[in-house]
Each structure stands twice: as structure tokens, then as C-alpha cells.
Amino acid sequence: MYTIVAGTNRAGSNTLKVAKEYQRFLQEKGVAANILSLEGLDLLNDKKRIAEIEQDIVIPTQKFLFIVPEYNGSYPGILKLLFDGGKSHSVWWYKKALLAGVSTGRGGNIRGMEHFNGVMNYLKITVFPELLPISTVDKLMDTNGRFTDPGTIAAIHKQLDNFVEWYN
């Protein structure tokens, strides 16, 4: 099972748009993927919701795709709470993960993905080595949240093809 994590709790984010594009591209390849949107979640105070996410999503998922937005040169706290708020880190152990960074700036959150990669290693999650920084994401999508830039589309397809092949 594949799950795409839109790694921010901000409403109307580019992160969720990118997650939906990844889902669409996987669907075109015949691969079903769920989306876990952190939008609007309060994982700091809602322990019941974290338990539900672990039981219903984390435990059955073997392959995660994390869409990681840039927040002050790193990644969002809500994404860290997804790991820190649960009962046991072991529900994450030995899973596989793909990382894509998104930012409206020029770095595509490459620094944040490196920070996040450290957390993944600590949690015994195998990270696919082909990280994809997506810079100026707000200029690469149309008003419907679809990528329009051929280079970005090609890079995402290559990353997905390699990830799916590598772990099958």
C-alpha cells in the first residue's frame, strides 16, 4: 500500500496540490495511493487522532511518499508531530519512503529534506535516494493545481518510476 503524506496543516497549500498530482501520476501508472493530508490537524492535542492515523494508515502502509514543504529552511512541525505524538516509533520501522520538497523559493526545500531524512533514518525508514526538490512550485502549476512545466512533470515521472521499480 502506498500513502502520500501532504506534510503541512495549512489550508489551501501547494503541498496538498502536489500530493494530488503525485497521486494522479501514480494512478496513470496503475498504482493506487492514498493521501494523508495533515491540513487542519492538531496532532499536539489530539492523541486519539494520532492513534487512528497509526492504526488505519501507518501500520498497513509499506511505502510512503512525503511531500515536504519548506518552513524556515526546514520542514513543518506538524510533520514532526506525526512521528513524535504516537505511542510507539516501531509502527514506522522498516517502511520505505520517497521525498519531494516543495517551496515557492529557489531551493525546493533541499535543506528541509536533508533534516527530514535524518528523522527517517532514526525511525529505521529506508529513504529512496532520489530526492526531488521542486522550486517555485507556485509558478509550475495552473489554477486547477496541475503541473504545467514539462521538465517538472518528467522529473516526477522519473522519480516515481524508479521508486516503484526499486521497491517491487
C-alpha atoms as a PDB file:
ATOM      1  CA  MET A   1       0.000   0.000   0.000  1.00  0.00           C
ATOM      2  CA  TYR A   2       1.225   3.490  -0.919  1.00  0.00           C
ATOM      3  CA  THR A   3       0.349   6.596   1.087  1.00  0.00           C
ATOM      4  CA  ILE A   4       1.233  10.143   0.079  1.00  0.00           C
ATOM      5  CA  VAL A   5       1.663  12.471   3.061  1.00  0.00           C
ATOM      6  CA  ALA A   6       0.946  16.151   2.401  1.00  0.00           C
ATOM      7  CA  GLY A   7       3.245  17.452   5.125  1.00  0.00           C
ATOM      8  CA  THR A   8       1.573  20.670   6.268  1.00  0.00           C
ATOM      9  CA  ASN A   9      -1.542  21.616   8.202  1.00  0.00           C
ATOM     10  CA  ARG A  10      -2.004  24.870   6.274  1.00  0.00           C
ATOM     11  CA  ALA A  11      -5.305  25.206   4.442  1.00  0.00           C
ATOM     12  CA  GLY A  12      -5.149  25.525   0.652  1.00  0.00           C
ATOM     13  CA  SER A  13      -1.460  24.657   0.475  1.00  0.00           C
ATOM     14  CA  ASN A  14       0.628  23.944  -2.592  1.00  0.00           C
ATOM     15  CA  THR A  15       1.775  20.839  -0.719  1.00  0.00           C
ATOM     16  CA  LEU A  16      -1.634  19.193  -0.972  1.00  0.00           C
ATOM     17  CA  LYS A  17      -1.859  20.159  -4.656  1.00  0.00           C
ATOM     18  CA  VAL A  18       1.484  18.474  -5.283  1.00  0.00           C
ATOM     19  CA  ALA A  19       0.358  15.398  -3.323  1.00  0.00           C
ATOM     20  CA  LYS A  20      -2.722  15.141  -5.545  1.00  0.00           C
ATOM     21  CA  GLU A  21      -0.531  15.389  -8.638  1.00  0.00           C
ATOM     22  CA  TYR A  22       1.689  12.578  -7.344  1.00  0.00           C
ATOM     23  CA  GLN A  23      -1.451  10.525  -6.721  1.00  0.00           C
ATOM     24  CA  ARG A  24      -2.705  11.231 -10.244  1.00  0.00           C
ATOM     25  CA  PHE A  25       0.637  10.312 -11.811  1.00  0.00           C
ATOM     26  CA  LEU A  26       0.760   7.057  -9.836  1.00  0.00           C
ATOM     27  CA  GLN A  27      -2.801   6.277 -10.890  1.00  0.00           C
ATOM     28  CA  GLU A  28      -1.748   6.703 -14.529  1.00  0.00           C
ATOM     29  CA  LYS A  29       0.885   4.034 -13.842  1.00  0.00           C
ATOM     30  CA  GLY A  30      -1.698   1.669 -12.359  1.00  0.00           C
ATOM     31  CA  VAL A  31      -0.540   2.243  -8.770  1.00  0.00           C
ATOM     32  CA  ALA A  32      -3.161   3.115  -6.170  1.00  0.00           C
ATOM     33  CA  ALA A  33      -2.140   5.574  -3.478  1.00  0.00           C
ATOM     34  CA  ASN A  34      -3.995   7.186  -0.606  1.00  0.00           C
ATOM     35  CA  ILE A  35      -3.371  10.733   0.567  1.00  0.00           C
ATOM     36  CA  LEU A  36      -2.884  11.608   4.207  1.00  0.00           C
ATOM     37  CA  SER A  37      -3.455  15.339   4.438  1.00  0.00           C
ATOM     38  CA  LEU A  38      -2.361  16.967   7.677  1.00  0.00           C
ATOM     39  CA  GLU A  39      -4.443  20.028   6.813  1.00  0.00           C
ATOM     40  CA  GLY A  40      -6.256  21.365   9.853  1.00  0.00           C
ATOM     41  CA  LEU A  41      -4.998  18.629  12.187  1.00  0.00           C
ATOM     42  CA  ASP A  42      -3.959  19.394  15.756  1.00  0.00           C
ATOM     43  CA  LEU A  43      -1.673  16.470  16.441  1.00  0.00           C
ATOM     44  CA  LEU A  44      -0.239  18.116  19.536  1.00  0.00           C
ATOM     45  CA  ASN A  45      -3.511  17.862  21.447  1.00  0.00           C
ATOM     46  CA  ASP A  46      -5.456  15.129  19.649  1.00  0.00           C
ATOM     47  CA  LYS A  47      -3.854  11.835  20.731  1.00  0.00           C
ATOM     48  CA  LYS A  48      -6.908   9.910  19.585  1.00  0.00           C
ATOM     49  CA  ARG A  49      -6.432  11.149  16.011  1.00  0.00           C
ATOM     50  CA  ILE A  50      -2.756  10.118  16.028  1.00  0.00           C
ATOM     51  CA  ALA A  51      -3.752   6.623  17.226  1.00  0.00           C
ATOM     52  CA  GLU A  52      -6.307   6.403  14.398  1.00  0.00           C
ATOM     53  CA  ILE A  53      -3.732   7.504  11.809  1.00  0.00           C
ATOM     54  CA  GLU A  54      -1.256   4.920  13.083  1.00  0.00           C
ATOM     55  CA  GLN A  55      -3.819   2.111  13.070  1.00  0.00           C
ATOM     56  CA  ASP A  56      -5.634   2.936   9.839  1.00  0.00           C
ATOM     57  CA  ILE A  57      -2.794   4.331   7.719  1.00  0.00           C
ATOM     58  CA  VAL A  58       0.734   3.884   9.073  1.00  0.00           C
ATOM     59  CA  ILE A  59       0.584   0.207  10.024  1.00  0.00           C
ATOM     60  CA  PRO A  60      -0.898  -1.059   6.718  1.00  0.00           C
ATOM     61  CA  THR A  61       1.259   1.212   4.530  1.00  0.00           C
ATOM     62  CA  GLN A  62       4.637  -0.077   3.391  1.00  0.00           C
ATOM     63  CA  LYS A  63       5.583   2.763   1.017  1.00  0.00           C
ATOM     64  CA  PHE A  64       5.233   6.443   1.857  1.00  0.00           C
ATOM     65  CA  LEU A  65       5.683   9.462  -0.366  1.00  0.00           C
ATOM     66  CA  PHE A  66       6.321  12.560   1.715  1.00  0.00           C
ATOM     67  CA  ILE A  67       5.647  15.948   0.134  1.00  0.00           C
ATOM     68  CA  VAL A  68       7.718  18.191   2.377  1.00  0.00           C
ATOM     69  CA  PRO A  69       7.196  21.958   2.224  1.00  0.00           C
ATOM     70  CA  GLU A  70       9.894  24.408   3.242  1.00  0.00           C
ATOM     71  CA  TYR A  71       9.277  26.105   6.570  1.00  0.00           C
ATOM     72  CA  ASN A  72      12.106  28.401   7.628  1.00  0.00           C
ATOM     73  CA  GLY A  73      14.797  26.303   5.984  1.00  0.00           C
ATOM     74  CA  SER A  74      13.453  23.005   7.287  1.00  0.00           C
ATOM     75  CA  TYR A  75      10.118  21.169   7.426  1.00  0.00           C
ATOM     76  CA  PRO A  76       6.846  21.783   9.312  1.00  0.00           C
ATOM     77  CA  GLY A  77       6.430  20.949  12.979  1.00  0.00           C
ATOM     78  CA  ILE A  78       3.157  19.168  12.236  1.00  0.00           C
ATOM     79  CA  LEU A  79       5.112  16.639  10.196  1.00  0.00           C
ATOM     80  CA  LYS A  80       7.453  16.022  13.146  1.00  0.00           C
ATOM     81  CA  LEU A  81       4.421  15.617  15.431  1.00  0.00           C
ATOM     82  CA  LEU A  82       3.166  12.844  13.165  1.00  0.00           C
ATOM     83  CA  PHE A  83       6.117  10.786  14.445  1.00  0.00           C
ATOM     84  CA  ASP A  84       6.550  12.211  17.935  1.00  0.00           C
ATOM     85  CA  GLY A  85       2.921  12.078  19.048  1.00  0.00           C
ATOM     86  CA  GLY A  86       2.322   8.373  18.671  1.00  0.00           C
ATOM     87  CA  LYS A  87       2.591   5.594  21.192  1.00  0.00           C
ATOM     88  CA  SER A  88       5.494   3.817  19.553  1.00  0.00           C
ATOM     89  CA  HIS A  89       8.023   4.653  16.883  1.00  0.00           C
ATOM     90  CA  SER A  90       8.043   0.984  15.898  1.00  0.00           C
ATOM     91  CA  VAL A  91       4.936   1.423  13.710  1.00  0.00           C
ATOM     92  CA  TRP A  92       7.249   3.273  11.283  1.00  0.00           C
ATOM     93  CA  TRP A  93      10.163   0.829  11.346  1.00  0.00           C
ATOM     94  CA  TYR A  94      11.284  -0.759   8.067  1.00  0.00           C
ATOM     95  CA  LYS A  95       8.910   1.221   5.869  1.00  0.00           C
ATOM     96  CA  LYS A  96      10.048   2.764   2.567  1.00  0.00           C
ATOM     97  CA  ALA A  97       9.866   6.480   1.753  1.00  0.00           C
ATOM     98  CA  LEU A  98      10.194   8.835  -1.187  1.00  0.00           C
ATOM     99  CA  LEU A  99      10.815  12.531  -0.505  1.00  0.00           C
ATOM    100  CA  ALA A 100       9.814  15.521  -2.604  1.00  0.00           C
ATOM    101  CA  GLY A 101      10.452  19.024  -1.327  1.00  0.00           C
ATOM    102  CA  VAL A 102       8.342  21.999  -2.337  1.00  0.00           C
ATOM    103  CA  SER A 103       8.909  25.696  -1.985  1.00  0.00           C
ATOM    104  CA  THR A 104       7.979  28.935  -3.651  1.00  0.00           C
ATOM    105  CA  GLY A 105      11.668  29.848  -3.472  1.00  0.00           C
ATOM    106  CA  ARG A 106      14.549  28.528  -5.490  1.00  0.00           C
ATOM    107  CA  GLY A 107      15.803  25.701  -3.271  1.00  0.00           C
ATOM    108  CA  GLY A 108      12.876  23.280  -3.433  1.00  0.00           C
ATOM    109  CA  ASN A 109      13.406  22.592   0.278  1.00  0.00           C
ATOM    110  CA  ILE A 110      16.554  20.586  -0.287  1.00  0.00           C
ATOM    111  CA  ARG A 111      17.782  21.550   3.212  1.00  0.00           C
ATOM    112  CA  GLY A 112      14.477  20.550   4.824  1.00  0.00           C
ATOM    113  CA  MET A 113      14.541  17.182   3.062  1.00  0.00           C
ATOM    114  CA  GLU A 114      18.015  16.571   4.487  1.00  0.00           C
ATOM    115  CA  HIS A 115      16.734  17.386   8.001  1.00  0.00           C
ATOM    116  CA  PHE A 116      13.741  15.132   7.422  1.00  0.00           C
ATOM    117  CA  ASN A 117      15.974  12.370   6.072  1.00  0.00           C
ATOM    118  CA  GLY A 118      17.748  12.302   9.445  1.00  0.00           C
ATOM    119  CA  VAL A 119      14.436  11.662  11.201  1.00  0.00           C
ATOM    120  CA  MET A 120      13.605   8.925   8.691  1.00  0.00           C
ATOM    121  CA  ASN A 121      16.922   7.208   9.379  1.00  0.00           C
ATOM    122  CA  TYR A 122      16.319   7.394  13.122  1.00  0.00           C
ATOM    123  CA  LEU A 123      12.927   5.739  12.614  1.00  0.00           C
ATOM    124  CA  LYS A 124      14.519   2.933  10.558  1.00  0.00           C
ATOM    125  CA  ILE A 125      12.718   4.076   7.395  1.00  0.00           C
ATOM    126  CA  THR A 126      14.587   3.373   4.167  1.00  0.00           C
ATOM    127  CA  VAL A 127      14.638   6.585   2.126  1.00  0.00           C
ATOM    128  CA  PHE A 128      14.768   6.323  -1.649  1.00  0.00           C
ATOM    129  CA  PRO A 129      17.963   8.178  -2.603  1.00  0.00           C
ATOM    130  CA  GLU A 130      16.406  10.183  -5.449  1.00  0.00           C
ATOM    131  CA  LEU A 131      15.152  13.283  -3.601  1.00  0.00           C
ATOM    132  CA  LEU A 132      13.262  15.770  -5.762  1.00  0.00           C
ATOM    133  CA  PRO A 133      13.361  19.468  -4.859  1.00  0.00           C
ATOM    134  CA  ILE A 134      10.515  21.318  -6.599  1.00  0.00           C
ATOM    135  CA  SER A 135      11.331  25.033  -6.636  1.00  0.00           C
ATOM    136  CA  THR A 136       8.970  27.915  -7.456  1.00  0.00           C
ATOM    137  CA  VAL A 137       6.096  25.445  -7.195  1.00  0.00           C
ATOM    138  CA  ASP A 138       3.553  28.266  -7.370  1.00  0.00           C
ATOM    139  CA  LYS A 139       4.748  29.082 -10.900  1.00  0.00           C
ATOM    140  CA  LEU A 140       4.758  25.470 -12.144  1.00  0.00           C
ATOM    141  CA  MET A 141       1.054  24.763 -11.626  1.00  0.00           C
ATOM    142  CA  ASP A 142      -2.110  26.086 -13.227  1.00  0.00           C
ATOM    143  CA  THR A 143      -5.142  27.424 -11.362  1.00  0.00           C
ATOM    144  CA  ASN A 144      -6.504  23.866 -11.061  1.00  0.00           C
ATOM    145  CA  GLY A 145      -3.383  22.673  -9.219  1.00  0.00           C
ATOM    146  CA  ARG A 146      -1.977  20.730 -12.175  1.00  0.00           C
ATOM    147  CA  PHE A 147       1.668  20.866 -13.163  1.00  0.00           C
ATOM    148  CA  THR A 148       2.211  22.610 -16.484  1.00  0.00           C
ATOM    149  CA  ASP A 149       6.012  22.592 -16.638  1.00  0.00           C
ATOM    150  CA  PRO A 150       7.216  19.694 -18.837  1.00  0.00           C
ATOM    151  CA  GLY A 151      10.569  19.417 -17.044  1.00  0.00           C
ATOM    152  CA  THR A 152       8.931  19.099 -13.636  1.00  0.00           C
ATOM    153  CA  ILE A 153       6.412  16.563 -14.912  1.00  0.00           C
ATOM    154  CA  ALA A 154       9.209  14.488 -16.458  1.00  0.00           C
ATOM    155  CA  ALA A 155      11.280  14.633 -13.244  1.00  0.00           C
ATOM    156  CA  ILE A 156       8.324  13.483 -11.128  1.00  0.00           C
ATOM    157  CA  HIS A 157       7.543  10.615 -13.513  1.00  0.00           C
ATOM    158  CA  LYS A 158      11.182   9.504 -13.464  1.00  0.00           C
ATOM    159  CA  GLN A 159      11.281   9.637  -9.665  1.00  0.00           C
ATOM    160  CA  LEU A 160       8.027   7.670  -9.379  1.00  0.00           C
ATOM    161  CA  ASP A 161       9.042   5.075 -11.980  1.00  0.00           C
ATOM    162  CA  ASN A 162      12.325   4.466 -10.182  1.00  0.00           C
ATOM    163  CA  PHE A 163      10.681   4.320  -6.741  1.00  0.00           C
ATOM    164  CA  VAL A 164       8.003   1.869  -7.845  1.00  0.00           C
ATOM    165  CA  GLU A 165      10.557  -0.310  -9.654  1.00  0.00           C
ATOM    166  CA  TRP A 166      13.107  -0.178  -6.829  1.00  0.00           C
ATOM    167  CA  TYR A 167      10.677  -1.422  -4.206  1.00  0.00           C
ATOM    168  CA  ASN A 168       8.753  -4.022  -6.182  1.00  0.00           C
END
